[in-house]
Protein backbone atom coordinates (compact mmCIF):
# COMPACT_ATOMS: atom_id res chain seq x y z
CA UNK A 1 25.64 -10.33 -22.15
CA UNK A 2 28.83 -8.80 -20.98
CA UNK A 3 29.55 -5.55 -19.41
CA UNK A 4 32.49 -4.03 -17.60
CA UNK A 5 33.33 -2.47 -14.15
CA UNK A 6 34.64 1.03 -14.29
CA UNK A 7 37.41 2.53 -12.17
CA UNK A 8 34.61 3.59 -9.68
CA UNK A 9 33.47 0.08 -9.33
CA UNK A 10 30.21 0.71 -11.19
CA UNK A 11 28.41 -1.65 -13.59
CA UNK A 12 26.32 -1.17 -16.53
CA UNK A 13 23.11 -3.33 -16.63
CA UNK A 14 22.17 -3.78 -20.24
CA UNK A 15 18.93 -1.81 -21.41
CA UNK A 16 17.18 -5.19 -22.38
CA UNK A 17 17.82 -6.54 -18.99
CA UNK A 18 16.64 -3.34 -17.47
CA UNK A 19 13.34 -3.31 -19.54
CA UNK A 20 12.61 -6.87 -19.10
CA UNK A 21 12.87 -6.61 -14.98
CA UNK A 22 11.53 -3.12 -15.05
CA UNK A 23 14.81 -1.54 -13.64
CA UNK A 24 14.79 2.57 -13.86
CA UNK A 25 17.35 4.61 -13.04
CA UNK A 26 17.25 5.36 -9.30
CA UNK A 27 15.67 2.03 -8.21
CA UNK A 28 17.34 0.03 -5.36
CA UNK A 29 18.90 -3.29 -6.02
CA UNK A 30 19.81 -5.85 -3.78
CA UNK A 31 23.42 -7.45 -4.09
CA UNK A 32 24.46 -10.94 -2.67
CA UNK A 33 27.38 -13.65 -3.38
CA UNK A 34 26.47 -16.67 -4.19
CA UNK A 35 29.19 -19.48 -4.37
CA UNK A 36 31.58 -17.19 -6.96
CA UNK A 37 28.96 -15.28 -8.36
CA UNK A 38 27.27 -11.60 -7.64
CA UNK A 39 23.99 -11.82 -7.81
CA UNK A 40 21.66 -8.45 -8.40
CA UNK A 41 17.90 -8.41 -7.64
CA UNK A 42 15.53 -5.67 -7.85
CA UNK A 43 14.58 -4.03 -4.33
CA UNK A 44 11.68 -4.13 -2.85
CA UNK A 45 9.12 -1.50 -4.48
CA UNK A 46 6.91 0.43 -2.39
CA UNK A 47 3.80 -0.62 -4.23
CA UNK A 48 2.44 1.19 -7.44
CA UNK A 49 -0.81 2.55 -6.96
CA UNK A 50 -2.87 2.85 -9.94
CA UNK A 51 -4.74 6.11 -11.10
CA UNK A 52 -7.16 6.63 -13.68
CA UNK A 53 -6.25 9.96 -15.61
CA UNK A 54 -7.14 11.57 -18.80
CA UNK A 55 -5.25 10.67 -21.99
CA UNK A 56 -3.81 14.40 -22.99
CA UNK A 57 -4.33 13.24 -26.72
CA UNK A 58 -7.72 11.10 -26.72
CA UNK A 59 -9.31 12.70 -23.72
CA UNK A 60 -10.21 9.34 -22.52
CA UNK A 61 -9.72 7.82 -19.33
CA UNK A 62 -6.70 5.70 -18.76
CA UNK A 63 -5.12 3.59 -16.15
CA UNK A 64 -1.76 4.82 -14.92
CA UNK A 65 0.95 3.78 -12.25
CA UNK A 66 2.77 6.44 -12.44
CA UNK A 67 6.25 7.72 -13.94
CA UNK A 68 8.22 5.15 -12.18
CA UNK A 69 6.29 2.04 -13.56
CA UNK A 70 8.00 -0.46 -15.49
CA UNK A 71 7.39 -0.03 -19.37
CA UNK A 72 5.12 -2.42 -20.83
CA UNK A 73 5.92 -3.23 -24.40
CA UNK A 74 4.01 -5.58 -26.70
CA UNK A 75 6.68 -8.00 -26.31
CA UNK A 76 6.46 -8.00 -22.62
CA UNK A 77 2.76 -8.44 -22.84
CA UNK A 78 3.07 -11.28 -24.97
CA UNK A 79 5.90 -12.90 -22.56
CA UNK A 80 3.48 -12.39 -19.63
CA UNK A 81 0.57 -13.85 -21.30
CA UNK A 82 2.52 -17.00 -22.59
CA UNK A 83 2.84 -17.89 -18.99
CA UNK A 84 -0.77 -17.32 -18.02
CA UNK A 85 -2.67 -20.70 -17.68
């Protein structure tokens, strides 16, 4: 994948990479230079706290990690399970 640097020095991280890494608007990133490469890593998260809430449609209890939790798609679940022993 390629992206461009804007005149303000901004770089857009493509959506598939943001989804894969769970990066959301406002998240912090650590930036480093390794050899001749710029490396971005998601910053430390403050720890997501799970909470049980009532589903507004079905009325059943569901587990939530809040609005800043990474999106967990079916594809991402398959990827996670493929790494599970």
